[in-house]
Amino acid sequence: MSSLLDAKDIKAYYRFSSQFVRAVDGVTLNIDYGDILGIAGESGSGKSTLGNVLMMNIRPPLQFMEGRIILEGKYDLTMMTYQDLKSQIWGRVIALVPQNALNVLIPTRKVQDFIIDVLKVHQKLRKKDAVQLARQRFQDVGLPVEVLIKYPHQLSGGMRQRVVIAIATLLSPKILIADEPTSALDVSTQKQVLKMLLQLHVDNIVKSTILITHDIAILRQVAIKIGIMYAGKIIETAPADQLLQTPLHPYTRGLIQCVVTPEPEISKRGLTHIPGEPPDLIRPPSGCRFHPRCMHAELICIQEEPPLTFMTNHHMVACHLATRWQACSL
């Protein structure tokens, strides 16, 4: 069986006058059926841009430069027109919960009226049928149907977030891209949102999820695979447990060691931080983009860009010195 989605060497840059910000710069990854893929990295690493590029939601000043995005082994999203993507793909096959999801709902419209407007874009449904579809989905994900007749300001932040996720899955898309769905929420509400995302898989409402976050602790709870993004590139991917226990890239190790968790080994060694700042993506560093911040960098790291290479059957890393860390664990 082919992957659900294959992205091959995709590049998408923001253009400002004659300068380009290389937000997504040669990313290759695949999404399998049943995956919950976590994408983690600092702010400005290109995570949110990648989420939009994977569904070809390209709007100026963002420009798609090159690469291919193949859906179910046969549809090349990069060759489809905006209208075809809007009518055939978005919402039906790939849906996005944007980073500002709490602000998506229109304050002056009840939730069900907003849903009717959304469904008009994707398929011709009578108002009665649209409301019934929404009622069924809300029941599926454990949301009170009374929410449909409420205004956004009458709902808590956590409830609004869950409502937006439910709306994004009304047409049972195969891939759900959730961009920072737990940001600005308290811990208990975060757990409710994550539980909802997992339930979408259990109920077969979505086939795969891409969860974008800066908080790697969130991915500990739900991700099956994790990809680490830095300066526009995926620098490490592996099954979640393997990556968290034996990270092979110094940046990944730094991210994990920045996280506050109750594990005894964390308390024993204490927290650390990654020195320096993310690079300027208009003029990214030569070689490995992490080398200006890496205490282990050598001459080859400055001169040559490391390829994303398999270290084991399922663990890939872009680091010239990865073999040094392969046997290490936190």
Protein backbone atom coordinates (compact mmCIF):
# COMPACT_ATOMS: atom_id res chain seq x y z
CA MET A 1 0.00 0.00 0.00
CA SER A 2 1.32 3.44 -0.89
CA SER A 3 1.63 6.19 1.67
CA LEU A 4 -1.34 8.44 2.22
CA LEU A 5 0.77 11.49 1.40
CA ASP A 6 4.33 11.87 0.11
CA ALA A 7 6.07 15.23 0.08
CA LYS A 8 9.28 15.22 -1.95
CA ASP A 9 11.88 17.99 -1.66
CA ILE A 10 9.28 20.74 -1.28
CA LYS A 11 10.38 24.36 -1.12
CA ALA A 12 8.18 27.35 -0.34
CA TYR A 13 9.58 30.83 0.27
CA TYR A 14 8.12 34.13 1.40
CA ARG A 15 9.01 36.83 -1.09
CA PHE A 16 9.58 40.37 0.09
CA SER A 17 10.74 42.60 -2.76
CA SER A 18 13.83 40.84 -4.14
CA GLN A 19 14.49 38.79 -1.00
CA PHE A 20 13.26 35.31 -0.14
CA VAL A 21 12.66 33.87 3.33
CA ARG A 22 13.33 30.15 2.99
CA ALA A 23 10.59 29.00 5.34
CA VAL A 24 10.31 25.49 3.89
CA ASP A 25 13.53 24.54 2.15
CA GLY A 26 13.76 21.02 0.79
CA VAL A 27 11.44 19.04 3.06
CA THR A 28 10.75 15.37 2.34
CA LEU A 29 8.37 13.33 4.47
CA ASN A 30 5.58 10.79 4.18
CA ILE A 31 2.31 10.27 6.01
CA ASP A 32 1.06 6.70 6.34
CA TYR A 33 -2.47 5.57 7.08
CA GLY A 34 -3.03 5.67 10.84
CA ASP A 35 -0.13 8.02 11.53
CA ILE A 36 -0.14 10.71 14.15
CA LEU A 37 2.91 12.66 13.04
CA GLY A 38 4.17 15.35 15.37
CA ILE A 39 6.17 18.23 13.91
CA ALA A 40 8.15 20.08 16.57
CA GLY A 41 10.56 23.00 16.59
CA GLU A 42 11.07 26.54 17.81
CA SER A 43 8.96 29.47 16.64
CA GLY A 44 10.11 30.54 13.19
CA SER A 45 11.32 27.08 12.18
CA GLY A 46 8.75 26.84 9.38
CA LYS A 47 6.29 24.43 11.01
CA SER A 48 3.08 26.37 10.30
CA THR A 49 4.22 27.18 6.78
CA LEU A 50 4.87 23.48 6.20
CA GLY A 51 1.32 22.66 7.32
CA ASN A 52 -0.11 25.04 4.74
CA VAL A 53 2.25 23.87 2.01
CA LEU A 54 1.32 20.21 2.54
CA MET A 55 -2.24 21.07 1.50
CA MET A 56 -1.03 23.61 -1.09
CA ASN A 57 -2.72 26.48 0.72
CA ILE A 58 -0.32 28.99 -0.84
CA ARG A 59 -1.10 32.68 -0.49
CA PRO A 60 1.16 35.70 -1.17
CA PRO A 61 3.75 36.53 -0.08
CA LEU A 62 4.31 32.77 0.21
CA GLN A 63 5.38 31.17 -3.09
CA PHE A 64 5.69 27.49 -3.88
CA MET A 65 9.08 27.03 -5.49
CA GLU A 66 9.46 23.34 -6.29
CA GLY A 67 8.80 19.77 -5.19
CA ARG A 68 5.89 17.35 -5.37
CA ILE A 69 3.10 16.43 -2.97
CA ILE A 70 1.52 13.12 -3.93
CA LEU A 71 -1.77 12.04 -2.37
CA GLU A 72 -2.65 8.32 -2.23
CA GLY A 73 0.02 7.59 -4.80
CA LYS A 74 -1.87 9.20 -7.67
CA TYR A 75 -2.85 12.84 -7.12
CA ASP A 76 -0.17 15.51 -7.42
CA LEU A 77 -1.46 18.44 -5.37
CA THR A 78 1.21 20.73 -6.80
CA MET A 79 -0.36 20.39 -10.25
CA MET A 80 -3.94 21.14 -9.19
CA THR A 81 -5.60 24.53 -9.63
CA TYR A 82 -6.79 26.59 -6.68
CA GLN A 83 -10.42 25.87 -7.57
CA ASP A 84 -9.81 22.12 -7.80
CA LEU A 85 -8.01 22.10 -4.47
CA LYS A 86 -10.84 24.07 -2.88
CA SER A 87 -13.62 21.89 -4.27
CA GLN A 88 -11.98 18.45 -4.25
CA ILE A 89 -9.27 18.39 -1.59
CA TRP A 90 -9.66 20.94 1.19
CA GLY A 91 -12.07 19.78 3.87
CA ARG A 92 -12.78 16.53 2.04
CA VAL A 93 -9.33 14.95 1.93
CA ILE A 94 -7.10 17.33 3.90
CA ALA A 95 -8.36 19.71 6.56
CA LEU A 96 -6.48 22.33 8.55
CA VAL A 97 -7.07 23.57 12.07
CA PRO A 98 -5.10 26.83 11.86
CA GLN A 99 -2.83 28.24 14.54
CA ASN A 100 -5.33 30.99 15.39
CA ALA A 101 -8.23 28.55 15.58
CA LEU A 102 -9.72 30.30 18.62
CA ASN A 103 -10.29 33.34 16.41
CA VAL A 104 -11.70 31.48 13.40
CA LEU A 105 -15.32 31.59 14.51
CA ILE A 106 -17.17 34.78 13.59
CA PRO A 107 -18.26 36.57 16.80
CA THR A 108 -21.59 37.76 15.36
CA ARG A 109 -22.72 34.38 14.01
CA LYS A 110 -23.96 31.34 15.84
CA VAL A 111 -21.87 28.21 15.45
CA GLN A 112 -24.42 26.46 13.22
CA ASP A 113 -24.67 29.46 10.88
CA PHE A 114 -20.90 29.46 10.52
CA ILE A 115 -20.98 25.74 9.74
CA ILE A 116 -23.61 26.25 7.04
CA ASP A 117 -21.39 28.84 5.37
CA VAL A 118 -18.39 26.48 5.51
CA LEU A 119 -20.29 23.58 4.00
CA LYS A 120 -21.57 25.71 1.14
CA VAL A 121 -17.98 25.95 -0.06
CA HIS A 122 -17.53 22.19 -0.28
CA GLN A 123 -20.90 20.75 -1.19
CA LYS A 124 -24.46 21.86 -1.84
CA LEU A 125 -26.43 21.02 1.27
CA ARG A 126 -29.77 22.30 2.44
CA LYS A 127 -29.60 24.16 5.74
CA LYS A 128 -31.47 21.34 7.45
CA ASP A 129 -29.02 18.70 6.17
CA ALA A 130 -25.97 20.81 7.11
CA VAL A 131 -27.23 21.23 10.66
CA GLN A 132 -27.97 17.51 10.93
CA LEU A 133 -24.47 16.66 9.73
CA ALA A 134 -23.04 19.02 12.35
CA ARG A 135 -25.25 17.57 15.09
CA GLN A 136 -24.03 14.06 14.25
CA ARG A 137 -20.36 15.06 14.25
CA PHE A 138 -20.70 16.93 17.53
CA GLN A 139 -22.27 13.83 19.07
CA ASP A 140 -19.47 11.69 17.61
CA VAL A 141 -16.78 13.76 19.34
CA GLY A 142 -18.67 14.28 22.60
CA LEU A 143 -19.64 17.92 22.16
CA PRO A 144 -23.06 19.11 23.43
CA VAL A 145 -25.33 19.77 20.43
CA GLU A 146 -26.63 22.89 22.22
CA VAL A 147 -23.30 24.50 21.30
CA LEU A 148 -24.61 24.82 17.73
CA ILE A 149 -27.00 27.61 18.70
CA LYS A 150 -24.47 29.55 20.76
CA TYR A 151 -22.25 32.47 19.83
CA PRO A 152 -18.46 32.06 20.19
CA HIS A 153 -18.27 34.46 23.15
CA GLN A 154 -20.58 32.13 25.06
CA LEU A 155 -18.02 29.33 24.86
CA SER A 156 -14.79 28.79 26.77
CA GLY A 157 -11.48 28.80 24.91
CA GLY A 158 -11.22 25.04 25.15
CA MET A 159 -14.75 24.54 23.87
CA ARG A 160 -14.14 26.88 20.93
CA GLN A 161 -11.01 24.92 20.04
CA ARG A 162 -12.89 21.63 20.10
CA VAL A 163 -15.69 23.15 18.02
CA VAL A 164 -13.21 24.27 15.35
CA ILE A 165 -11.69 20.77 15.25
CA ALA A 166 -15.18 19.25 14.89
CA ILE A 167 -15.98 21.66 12.04
CA ALA A 168 -12.71 20.79 10.29
CA THR A 169 -13.68 17.10 10.34
CA LEU A 170 -17.31 17.45 9.21
CA LEU A 171 -16.52 15.79 5.87
CA SER A 172 -14.28 13.12 7.44
CA PRO A 173 -10.99 14.19 5.81
CA LYS A 174 -8.29 11.57 5.51
CA ILE A 175 -5.63 13.93 6.87
CA LEU A 176 -6.12 16.48 9.64
CA ILE A 177 -3.41 19.10 10.10
CA ALA A 178 -3.68 20.63 13.58
CA ASP A 179 -1.43 23.67 14.05
CA GLU A 180 -0.71 24.41 17.73
CA PRO A 181 -4.18 23.22 18.83
CA THR A 182 -3.29 23.33 22.53
CA SER A 183 -1.57 26.71 22.72
CA ALA A 184 -3.11 29.25 25.12
CA LEU A 185 -5.02 26.48 26.91
CA ASP A 186 -4.56 25.30 30.48
CA VAL A 187 -3.26 21.79 31.15
CA SER A 188 -6.65 20.16 31.79
CA THR A 189 -8.13 21.69 28.64
CA GLN A 190 -5.10 20.60 26.64
CA LYS A 191 -5.81 17.03 27.70
CA GLN A 192 -9.40 17.33 26.48
CA VAL A 193 -8.25 18.56 23.07
CA LEU A 194 -5.63 15.81 22.75
CA LYS A 195 -8.17 13.20 23.80
CA MET A 196 -10.49 14.49 21.08
CA LEU A 197 -7.76 14.21 18.45
CA LEU A 198 -7.10 10.62 19.49
CA GLN A 199 -10.81 9.80 19.45
CA LEU A 200 -11.04 10.97 15.84
CA HIS A 201 -8.65 8.15 14.98
CA VAL A 202 -10.41 5.56 17.13
CA ASP A 203 -13.73 6.40 15.46
CA ASN A 204 -12.12 6.36 12.01
CA ILE A 205 -13.27 9.92 11.33
CA VAL A 206 -9.76 10.80 10.13
CA LYS A 207 -7.08 8.42 8.88
CA SER A 208 -3.98 10.40 9.85
CA THR A 209 -3.09 13.53 11.80
CA ILE A 210 -0.21 15.98 11.56
CA LEU A 211 0.17 17.72 14.92
CA ILE A 212 2.31 20.87 14.79
CA THR A 213 3.63 22.23 18.08
CA HIS A 214 6.57 23.96 19.74
CA ASP A 215 5.93 21.86 22.86
CA ILE A 216 7.55 18.47 22.53
CA ALA A 217 5.92 17.41 25.81
CA ILE A 218 2.57 17.43 23.98
CA LEU A 219 3.91 14.94 21.45
CA ARG A 220 4.95 12.55 24.23
CA GLN A 221 1.25 11.98 24.85
CA VAL A 222 -0.13 11.35 21.37
CA ALA A 223 2.43 11.13 18.55
CA ILE A 224 3.30 7.89 16.79
CA LYS A 225 6.12 9.51 14.81
CA ILE A 226 7.94 12.79 15.35
CA GLY A 227 9.71 15.07 12.90
CA ILE A 228 11.98 17.83 14.20
CA MET A 229 12.11 21.01 12.12
CA TYR A 230 14.83 23.63 12.25
CA ALA A 231 15.39 26.64 9.99
CA GLY A 232 13.09 25.40 7.24
CA LYS A 233 14.32 21.81 7.21
CA ILE A 234 13.35 18.48 8.75
CA ILE A 235 16.51 17.44 10.60
CA GLU A 236 15.33 14.26 12.35
CA THR A 237 12.42 11.83 12.14
CA ALA A 238 11.75 8.63 14.07
CA PRO A 239 9.06 6.71 15.94
CA ALA A 240 8.10 8.85 18.91
CA ASP A 241 9.49 6.61 21.66
CA GLN A 242 12.76 6.10 19.82
CA LEU A 243 13.31 9.78 19.11
CA LEU A 244 12.48 10.84 22.67
CA GLN A 245 14.71 8.19 24.23
CA THR A 246 17.63 8.33 21.79
CA PRO A 247 17.71 11.61 19.87
CA LEU A 248 20.56 11.74 17.36
CA HIS A 249 20.65 15.44 16.49
CA PRO A 250 22.08 17.96 19.00
CA TYR A 251 19.12 20.27 18.36
CA THR A 252 16.63 17.50 19.15
CA ARG A 253 18.53 16.72 22.35
CA GLY A 254 18.37 20.39 23.27
CA LEU A 255 14.62 20.57 22.69
CA ILE A 256 13.98 17.54 24.86
CA GLN A 257 16.23 18.78 27.65
CA CYS A 258 14.34 22.09 27.72
CA VAL A 259 11.08 20.34 28.63
CA VAL A 260 9.81 20.20 32.20
CA THR A 261 8.61 16.64 32.91
CA PRO A 262 8.19 14.60 36.10
CA GLU A 263 10.69 11.88 35.06
CA PRO A 264 13.37 11.32 37.76
CA GLU A 265 16.24 11.67 35.27
CA ILE A 266 15.04 15.16 34.35
CA SER A 267 15.08 16.24 37.99
CA LYS A 268 18.53 14.69 38.41
CA ARG A 269 20.26 16.45 35.50
CA GLY A 270 18.17 19.64 35.56
CA LEU A 271 17.00 21.75 32.65
CA THR A 272 19.23 23.10 29.92
CA HIS A 273 18.76 25.59 27.10
CA ILE A 274 19.83 25.91 23.48
CA PRO A 275 22.27 28.84 23.18
CA GLY A 276 21.93 31.50 20.50
CA GLU A 277 19.00 32.27 18.22
CA PRO A 278 17.49 30.70 15.10
CA PRO A 279 19.24 31.86 11.90
CA ASP A 280 18.11 34.48 9.42
CA LEU A 281 16.33 32.50 6.71
CA ILE A 282 17.00 35.20 4.13
CA ARG A 283 20.70 34.39 4.49
CA PRO A 284 20.89 30.99 6.18
CA PRO A 285 24.25 29.69 7.41
CA SER A 286 26.39 27.51 5.19
CA GLY A 287 26.56 23.78 5.84
CA CYS A 288 24.40 22.61 8.72
CA ARG A 289 22.05 25.43 9.67
CA PHE A 290 22.39 24.54 13.33
CA HIS A 291 26.19 24.78 13.42
CA PRO A 292 26.36 28.38 14.80
CA ARG A 293 24.51 27.17 17.92
CA CYS A 294 26.05 23.69 18.20
CA MET A 295 28.80 23.12 20.75
CA HIS A 296 29.91 20.01 18.83
CA ALA A 297 30.26 21.63 15.39
CA GLU A 298 33.34 20.76 13.33
CA LEU A 299 34.70 22.09 10.05
CA ILE A 300 32.58 19.72 7.95
CA CYS A 301 29.45 21.07 9.68
CA ILE A 302 30.32 24.58 8.47
CA GLN A 303 31.26 23.54 4.95
CA GLU A 304 28.75 20.84 3.95
CA GLU A 305 25.01 20.49 4.44
CA PRO A 306 24.28 17.09 6.03
CA PRO A 307 21.74 14.94 4.15
CA LEU A 308 18.78 13.38 5.95
CA THR A 309 20.10 9.82 6.31
CA PHE A 310 18.73 6.57 7.72
CA MET A 311 20.59 5.52 10.86
CA THR A 312 18.20 2.61 11.49
CA ASN A 313 15.20 1.32 9.55
CA HIS A 314 12.93 4.08 10.85
CA HIS A 315 15.26 6.72 12.28
CA MET A 316 16.60 9.47 9.99
CA VAL A 317 18.83 12.36 10.95
CA ALA A 318 20.68 15.18 9.19
CA CYS A 319 23.90 15.44 11.19
CA HIS A 320 27.49 14.72 10.18
CA LEU A 321 28.27 13.58 13.71
CA ALA A 322 25.15 11.47 14.32
CA THR A 323 27.06 8.23 14.73
CA ARG A 324 28.56 9.71 17.91
CA TRP A 325 25.12 10.04 19.46
CA GLN A 326 23.62 6.81 18.11
CA ALA A 327 24.34 4.82 21.26
CA CYS A 328 23.54 7.69 23.59
CA SER A 329 20.34 8.22 25.48
CA LEU A 330 19.06 10.88 27.80
